[in-house]
Amino acid sequence: MTIATLALSLSPPKPTPSSSSPLLPFAKPPLPRPSPQILCCSSSNPLAQTRNPTRCCARRAAAALIGAGIALTVMGPSSAAEAPSLLGSSLQLSEPSNALSLPTWAIHISSVAEWVTAMALVWRYGERPGYEAWKGLSWGMVPLLGGAMCACTWHFFYNSESLEVLVALQAALTVIGNATMCIAAFRVYKSQGRSGF
């Protein structure tokens, strides 16, 4: 193949008159829509190539999370300060002895992410006709999320004594969140047409 042939094959297509747009005689034709079944994963398996792309991405993400969890578990109760020395780096971080280990941080962060996901799913469920009371359950979960954020913030700053107000705030938000979840669950129960109270 010559360079001229290669250049012609790589050049963009020339504009053609469009019958759907009389004001723009040289408008570009619309881009073709991708097929609903996009090739997933570069696998030679024909069944893997016709999978739902969302499911494929979810499987890849799950595999990455499981791999990270295994790696953190294998590292044991090492803290983030010990990780560079395990990896052979000369950078030494100094953390206090009460710093959370990497697996503990992974659990804290994944728990908060899971709670936010649950709130979103409950809200979506509440958007269905006849299930509007479920949105109240999602609102009832907010104080508990605030308590979780207080705990993560306090741990992020190595359980600093100057931030002990966060511990009290977390406790208060937990009590309030338990009450709001109870009230919201009762409202969901009543909205389903059940009686008994």
C-alpha atoms as a PDB file:
ATOM      1  CA  MET A   1       0.000   0.000   0.000  1.00  0.00           C
ATOM      2  CA  THR A   2       1.423   3.363  -0.961  1.00  0.00           C
ATOM      3  CA  ILE A   3       1.445   6.475   1.210  1.00  0.00           C
ATOM      4  CA  ALA A   4      -1.037   8.208  -1.106  1.00  0.00           C
ATOM      5  CA  THR A   5      -3.489   5.314  -0.846  1.00  0.00           C
ATOM      6  CA  LEU A   6      -3.105   5.302   2.927  1.00  0.00           C
ATOM      7  CA  ALA A   7      -3.679   9.062   3.106  1.00  0.00           C
ATOM      8  CA  LEU A   8      -6.827   8.789   0.985  1.00  0.00           C
ATOM      9  CA  SER A   9      -8.189   5.974   3.115  1.00  0.00           C
ATOM     10  CA  LEU A  10      -7.617   7.978   6.315  1.00  0.00           C
ATOM     11  CA  SER A  11      -8.986  11.299   5.039  1.00  0.00           C
ATOM     12  CA  PRO A  12     -12.403  12.352   6.341  1.00  0.00           C
ATOM     13  CA  PRO A  13     -15.364  11.864   4.010  1.00  0.00           C
ATOM     14  CA  LYS A  14     -16.332  14.774   1.827  1.00  0.00           C
ATOM     15  CA  PRO A  15     -19.496  16.632   2.854  1.00  0.00           C
ATOM     16  CA  THR A  16     -22.590  15.613   0.964  1.00  0.00           C
ATOM     17  CA  PRO A  17     -25.820  17.539   0.593  1.00  0.00           C
ATOM     18  CA  SER A  18     -28.356  16.552   3.207  1.00  0.00           C
ATOM     19  CA  SER A  19     -31.966  16.164   2.189  1.00  0.00           C
ATOM     20  CA  SER A  20     -33.199  16.605   5.764  1.00  0.00           C
ATOM     21  CA  SER A  21     -31.637  20.041   6.250  1.00  0.00           C
ATOM     22  CA  PRO A  22     -32.384  22.501   3.418  1.00  0.00           C
ATOM     23  CA  LEU A  23     -30.743  25.403   5.309  1.00  0.00           C
ATOM     24  CA  LEU A  24     -27.449  23.571   5.652  1.00  0.00           C
ATOM     25  CA  PRO A  25     -26.776  22.040   2.233  1.00  0.00           C
ATOM     26  CA  PHE A  26     -23.412  20.610   3.309  1.00  0.00           C
ATOM     27  CA  ALA A  27     -24.302  19.369   6.787  1.00  0.00           C
ATOM     28  CA  LYS A  28     -22.550  16.258   7.934  1.00  0.00           C
ATOM     29  CA  PRO A  29     -24.638  13.118   7.938  1.00  0.00           C
ATOM     30  CA  PRO A  30     -25.654  11.942  11.387  1.00  0.00           C
ATOM     31  CA  LEU A  31     -23.285   9.565  13.104  1.00  0.00           C
ATOM     32  CA  PRO A  32     -24.431   5.967  13.120  1.00  0.00           C
ATOM     33  CA  ARG A  33     -25.880   4.837  16.425  1.00  0.00           C
ATOM     34  CA  PRO A  34     -23.972   2.101  18.146  1.00  0.00           C
ATOM     35  CA  SER A  35     -25.745  -1.189  18.267  1.00  0.00           C
ATOM     36  CA  PRO A  36     -27.319  -2.065  21.605  1.00  0.00           C
ATOM     37  CA  GLN A  37     -25.011  -5.042  21.913  1.00  0.00           C
ATOM     38  CA  ILE A  38     -21.546  -3.528  21.952  1.00  0.00           C
ATOM     39  CA  LEU A  39     -18.580  -5.819  21.956  1.00  0.00           C
ATOM     40  CA  CYS A  40     -17.749  -6.492  25.545  1.00  0.00           C
ATOM     41  CA  CYS A  41     -14.328  -7.452  26.740  1.00  0.00           C
ATOM     42  CA  SER A  42     -11.769  -8.399  24.136  1.00  0.00           C
ATOM     43  CA  SER A  43     -12.537 -12.074  24.323  1.00  0.00           C
ATOM     44  CA  SER A  44     -12.545 -14.636  21.579  1.00  0.00           C
ATOM     45  CA  ASN A  45     -15.594 -16.258  23.157  1.00  0.00           C
ATOM     46  CA  PRO A  46     -18.607 -15.316  20.972  1.00  0.00           C
ATOM     47  CA  LEU A  47     -20.911 -15.387  23.989  1.00  0.00           C
ATOM     48  CA  ALA A  48     -18.735 -12.857  25.815  1.00  0.00           C
ATOM     49  CA  GLN A  49     -18.894 -10.521  22.817  1.00  0.00           C
ATOM     50  CA  THR A  50     -22.676 -10.178  22.899  1.00  0.00           C
ATOM     51  CA  ARG A  51     -23.078  -9.450  26.581  1.00  0.00           C
ATOM     52  CA  ASN A  52     -24.736  -6.374  27.953  1.00  0.00           C
ATOM     53  CA  PRO A  53     -21.983  -3.702  28.222  1.00  0.00           C
ATOM     54  CA  THR A  54     -23.303  -2.512  31.587  1.00  0.00           C
ATOM     55  CA  ARG A  55     -23.032  -5.999  33.021  1.00  0.00           C
ATOM     56  CA  CYS A  56     -19.516  -6.325  31.610  1.00  0.00           C
ATOM     57  CA  CYS A  57     -18.414  -3.065  33.237  1.00  0.00           C
ATOM     58  CA  ALA A  58     -20.008  -4.136  36.505  1.00  0.00           C
ATOM     59  CA  ARG A  59     -18.118  -7.437  36.379  1.00  0.00           C
ATOM     60  CA  ARG A  60     -14.842  -5.654  35.719  1.00  0.00           C
ATOM     61  CA  ALA A  61     -15.487  -3.254  38.609  1.00  0.00           C
ATOM     62  CA  ALA A  62     -16.394  -6.131  40.919  1.00  0.00           C
ATOM     63  CA  ALA A  63     -13.239  -7.990  39.918  1.00  0.00           C
ATOM     64  CA  ALA A  64     -11.158  -4.872  40.614  1.00  0.00           C
ATOM     65  CA  LEU A  65     -12.773  -4.383  44.022  1.00  0.00           C
ATOM     66  CA  ILE A  66     -12.286  -8.029  44.950  1.00  0.00           C
ATOM     67  CA  GLY A  67      -8.662  -7.824  43.837  1.00  0.00           C
ATOM     68  CA  ALA A  68      -8.102  -4.699  45.913  1.00  0.00           C
ATOM     69  CA  GLY A  69      -9.748  -6.346  48.901  1.00  0.00           C
ATOM     70  CA  ILE A  70      -7.550  -9.414  48.581  1.00  0.00           C
ATOM     71  CA  ALA A  71      -4.456  -7.240  48.256  1.00  0.00           C
ATOM     72  CA  LEU A  72      -5.404  -5.256  51.350  1.00  0.00           C
ATOM     73  CA  THR A  73      -6.164  -8.430  53.270  1.00  0.00           C
ATOM     74  CA  VAL A  74      -2.847  -9.993  52.302  1.00  0.00           C
ATOM     75  CA  MET A  75      -1.059  -6.880  53.511  1.00  0.00           C
ATOM     76  CA  GLY A  76      -2.513  -7.594  56.937  1.00  0.00           C
ATOM     77  CA  PRO A  77      -3.052  -4.953  59.565  1.00  0.00           C
ATOM     78  CA  SER A  78      -0.511  -2.597  58.055  1.00  0.00           C
ATOM     79  CA  SER A  79      -1.359   1.058  58.058  1.00  0.00           C
ATOM     80  CA  ALA A  80      -0.883   3.465  55.212  1.00  0.00           C
ATOM     81  CA  ALA A  81       2.429   4.526  56.767  1.00  0.00           C
ATOM     82  CA  GLU A  82       3.819   1.011  56.353  1.00  0.00           C
ATOM     83  CA  ALA A  83       2.615   0.545  52.766  1.00  0.00           C
ATOM     84  CA  PRO A  84       5.464   2.488  51.091  1.00  0.00           C
ATOM     85  CA  SER A  85       8.083   0.430  52.928  1.00  0.00           C
ATOM     86  CA  LEU A  86       6.311  -2.741  51.830  1.00  0.00           C
ATOM     87  CA  LEU A  87       6.453  -1.550  48.255  1.00  0.00           C
ATOM     88  CA  GLY A  88      10.162  -0.695  48.484  1.00  0.00           C
ATOM     89  CA  SER A  89       9.798   3.073  48.444  1.00  0.00           C
ATOM     90  CA  SER A  90      12.206   5.281  50.346  1.00  0.00           C
ATOM     91  CA  LEU A  91       9.370   7.644  51.280  1.00  0.00           C
ATOM     92  CA  GLN A  92       8.449   7.109  54.917  1.00  0.00           C
ATOM     93  CA  LEU A  93       5.210   8.535  56.256  1.00  0.00           C
ATOM     94  CA  SER A  94       4.735   8.930  59.948  1.00  0.00           C
ATOM     95  CA  GLU A  95       1.318   8.110  61.313  1.00  0.00           C
ATOM     96  CA  PRO A  96       0.308   7.754  64.929  1.00  0.00           C
ATOM     97  CA  SER A  97      -0.260   4.312  66.347  1.00  0.00           C
ATOM     98  CA  ASN A  98      -4.032   4.824  66.384  1.00  0.00           C
ATOM     99  CA  ALA A  99      -4.235   5.219  62.578  1.00  0.00           C
ATOM    100  CA  LEU A 100      -6.728   2.920  60.895  1.00  0.00           C
ATOM    101  CA  SER A 101      -5.359   0.082  58.806  1.00  0.00           C
ATOM    102  CA  LEU A 102      -5.964  -0.019  55.070  1.00  0.00           C
ATOM    103  CA  PRO A 103      -8.537  -2.852  55.288  1.00  0.00           C
ATOM    104  CA  THR A 104     -10.429  -0.897  57.957  1.00  0.00           C
ATOM    105  CA  TRP A 105     -10.480   2.179  55.717  1.00  0.00           C
ATOM    106  CA  ALA A 106     -11.700   0.012  52.850  1.00  0.00           C
ATOM    107  CA  ILE A 107     -14.580  -1.197  55.026  1.00  0.00           C
ATOM    108  CA  HIS A 108     -15.442   2.336  56.188  1.00  0.00           C
ATOM    109  CA  ILE A 109     -15.468   3.783  52.671  1.00  0.00           C
ATOM    110  CA  SER A 110     -17.307   0.870  51.084  1.00  0.00           C
ATOM    111  CA  SER A 111     -19.939   0.992  53.843  1.00  0.00           C
ATOM    112  CA  VAL A 112     -20.611   4.674  53.170  1.00  0.00           C
ATOM    113  CA  ALA A 113     -20.748   4.035  49.408  1.00  0.00           C
ATOM    114  CA  GLU A 114     -23.129   1.134  49.992  1.00  0.00           C
ATOM    115  CA  TRP A 115     -25.371   3.316  52.173  1.00  0.00           C
ATOM    116  CA  VAL A 116     -25.520   6.056  49.532  1.00  0.00           C
ATOM    117  CA  THR A 117     -26.345   3.446  46.881  1.00  0.00           C
ATOM    118  CA  ALA A 118     -29.112   2.040  49.070  1.00  0.00           C
ATOM    119  CA  MET A 119     -30.541   5.538  49.535  1.00  0.00           C
ATOM    120  CA  ALA A 120     -30.575   6.089  45.773  1.00  0.00           C
ATOM    121  CA  LEU A 121     -32.206   2.719  45.093  1.00  0.00           C
ATOM    122  CA  VAL A 122     -34.881   3.298  47.741  1.00  0.00           C
ATOM    123  CA  TRP A 123     -35.572   6.719  46.212  1.00  0.00           C
ATOM    124  CA  ARG A 124     -35.925   5.196  42.731  1.00  0.00           C
ATOM    125  CA  TYR A 125     -38.298   2.596  44.131  1.00  0.00           C
ATOM    126  CA  GLY A 126     -40.332   5.423  45.647  1.00  0.00           C
ATOM    127  CA  GLU A 127     -40.758   7.068  42.252  1.00  0.00           C
ATOM    128  CA  ARG A 128     -43.072   4.265  41.155  1.00  0.00           C
ATOM    129  CA  PRO A 129     -46.793   5.032  41.410  1.00  0.00           C
ATOM    130  CA  GLY A 130     -48.199   3.862  44.718  1.00  0.00           C
ATOM    131  CA  TYR A 131     -44.818   3.626  46.424  1.00  0.00           C
ATOM    132  CA  GLU A 132     -44.217   7.292  47.262  1.00  0.00           C
ATOM    133  CA  ALA A 133     -43.806   6.514  50.977  1.00  0.00           C
ATOM    134  CA  TRP A 134     -40.489   4.867  50.165  1.00  0.00           C
ATOM    135  CA  LYS A 135     -39.019   8.291  49.431  1.00  0.00           C
ATOM    136  CA  GLY A 136     -39.546   9.059  53.110  1.00  0.00           C
ATOM    137  CA  LEU A 137     -37.434   6.026  53.949  1.00  0.00           C
ATOM    138  CA  SER A 138     -34.651   7.460  51.814  1.00  0.00           C
ATOM    139  CA  TRP A 139     -34.927  10.760  53.698  1.00  0.00           C
ATOM    140  CA  GLY A 140     -34.892   8.839  56.965  1.00  0.00           C
ATOM    141  CA  MET A 141     -31.511   7.391  56.006  1.00  0.00           C
ATOM    142  CA  VAL A 142     -29.866  10.827  55.736  1.00  0.00           C
ATOM    143  CA  PRO A 143     -29.073  11.335  59.472  1.00  0.00           C
ATOM    144  CA  LEU A 144     -27.352   7.947  59.577  1.00  0.00           C
ATOM    145  CA  LEU A 145     -25.247   8.963  56.584  1.00  0.00           C
ATOM    146  CA  GLY A 146     -24.298  12.119  58.480  1.00  0.00           C
ATOM    147  CA  GLY A 147     -23.222   9.985  61.429  1.00  0.00           C
ATOM    148  CA  ALA A 148     -21.077   7.841  59.150  1.00  0.00           C
ATOM    149  CA  MET A 149     -19.444  10.948  57.709  1.00  0.00           C
ATOM    150  CA  CYS A 150     -18.700  12.176  61.244  1.00  0.00           C
ATOM    151  CA  ALA A 151     -16.998   8.875  62.069  1.00  0.00           C
ATOM    152  CA  CYS A 152     -14.920   8.879  58.872  1.00  0.00           C
ATOM    153  CA  THR A 153     -13.890  12.506  59.425  1.00  0.00           C
ATOM    154  CA  TRP A 154     -12.840  11.810  63.011  1.00  0.00           C
ATOM    155  CA  HIS A 155     -10.796   8.780  61.922  1.00  0.00           C
ATOM    156  CA  PHE A 156      -9.257  10.744  59.044  1.00  0.00           C
ATOM    157  CA  PHE A 157      -7.766  13.153  61.575  1.00  0.00           C
ATOM    158  CA  TYR A 158      -6.445  10.255  63.703  1.00  0.00           C
ATOM    159  CA  ASN A 159      -9.181  10.480  66.346  1.00  0.00           C
ATOM    160  CA  SER A 160      -8.003  13.925  67.388  1.00  0.00           C
ATOM    161  CA  GLU A 161      -9.132  15.075  70.832  1.00  0.00           C
ATOM    162  CA  SER A 162      -9.946  18.509  69.404  1.00  0.00           C
ATOM    163  CA  LEU A 163     -12.580  16.859  67.182  1.00  0.00           C
ATOM    164  CA  GLU A 164     -14.274  14.775  69.860  1.00  0.00           C
ATOM    165  CA  VAL A 165     -17.401  16.819  69.236  1.00  0.00           C
ATOM    166  CA  LEU A 166     -17.764  14.634  66.124  1.00  0.00           C
ATOM    167  CA  VAL A 167     -18.175  11.576  68.342  1.00  0.00           C
ATOM    168  CA  ALA A 168     -21.074  13.235  70.177  1.00  0.00           C
ATOM    169  CA  LEU A 169     -22.543  14.436  66.884  1.00  0.00           C
ATOM    170  CA  GLN A 170     -22.277  10.917  65.444  1.00  0.00           C
ATOM    171  CA  ALA A 171     -24.084   9.496  68.466  1.00  0.00           C
ATOM    172  CA  ALA A 172     -26.845  12.115  68.183  1.00  0.00           C
ATOM    173  CA  LEU A 173     -27.245  11.544  64.444  1.00  0.00           C
ATOM    174  CA  THR A 174     -27.413   7.792  65.015  1.00  0.00           C
ATOM    175  CA  VAL A 175     -30.258   8.193  67.532  1.00  0.00           C
ATOM    176  CA  ILE A 176     -32.076  10.643  65.246  1.00  0.00           C
ATOM    177  CA  GLY A 177     -31.477   8.402  62.218  1.00  0.00           C
ATOM    178  CA  ASN A 178     -32.808   5.336  63.996  1.00  0.00           C
ATOM    179  CA  ALA A 179     -35.944   7.285  64.929  1.00  0.00           C
ATOM    180  CA  THR A 180     -36.454   8.659  61.405  1.00  0.00           C
ATOM    181  CA  MET A 181     -35.920   5.216  59.875  1.00  0.00           C
ATOM    182  CA  CYS A 182     -38.469   3.748  62.307  1.00  0.00           C
ATOM    183  CA  ILE A 183     -41.035   6.428  61.464  1.00  0.00           C
ATOM    184  CA  ALA A 184     -40.398   6.070  57.721  1.00  0.00           C
ATOM    185  CA  ALA A 185     -40.680   2.277  57.894  1.00  0.00           C
ATOM    186  CA  PHE A 186     -43.982   2.614  59.752  1.00  0.00           C
ATOM    187  CA  ARG A 187     -45.246   5.008  57.051  1.00  0.00           C
ATOM    188  CA  VAL A 188     -44.252   2.491  54.356  1.00  0.00           C
ATOM    189  CA  TYR A 189     -46.098  -0.224  56.302  1.00  0.00           C
ATOM    190  CA  LYS A 190     -49.238   1.934  56.539  1.00  0.00           C
ATOM    191  CA  SER A 191     -49.067   2.965  52.874  1.00  0.00           C
ATOM    192  CA  GLN A 192     -49.288  -0.669  51.816  1.00  0.00           C
ATOM    193  CA  GLY A 193     -52.810  -0.808  53.246  1.00  0.00           C
ATOM    194  CA  ARG A 194     -51.968  -2.993  56.200  1.00  0.00           C
ATOM    195  CA  SER A 195     -53.572  -2.465  59.541  1.00  0.00           C
ATOM    196  CA  GLY A 196     -52.644  -3.785  62.910  1.00  0.00           C
ATOM    197  CA  PHE A 197     -51.552  -0.760  64.914  1.00  0.00           C
END
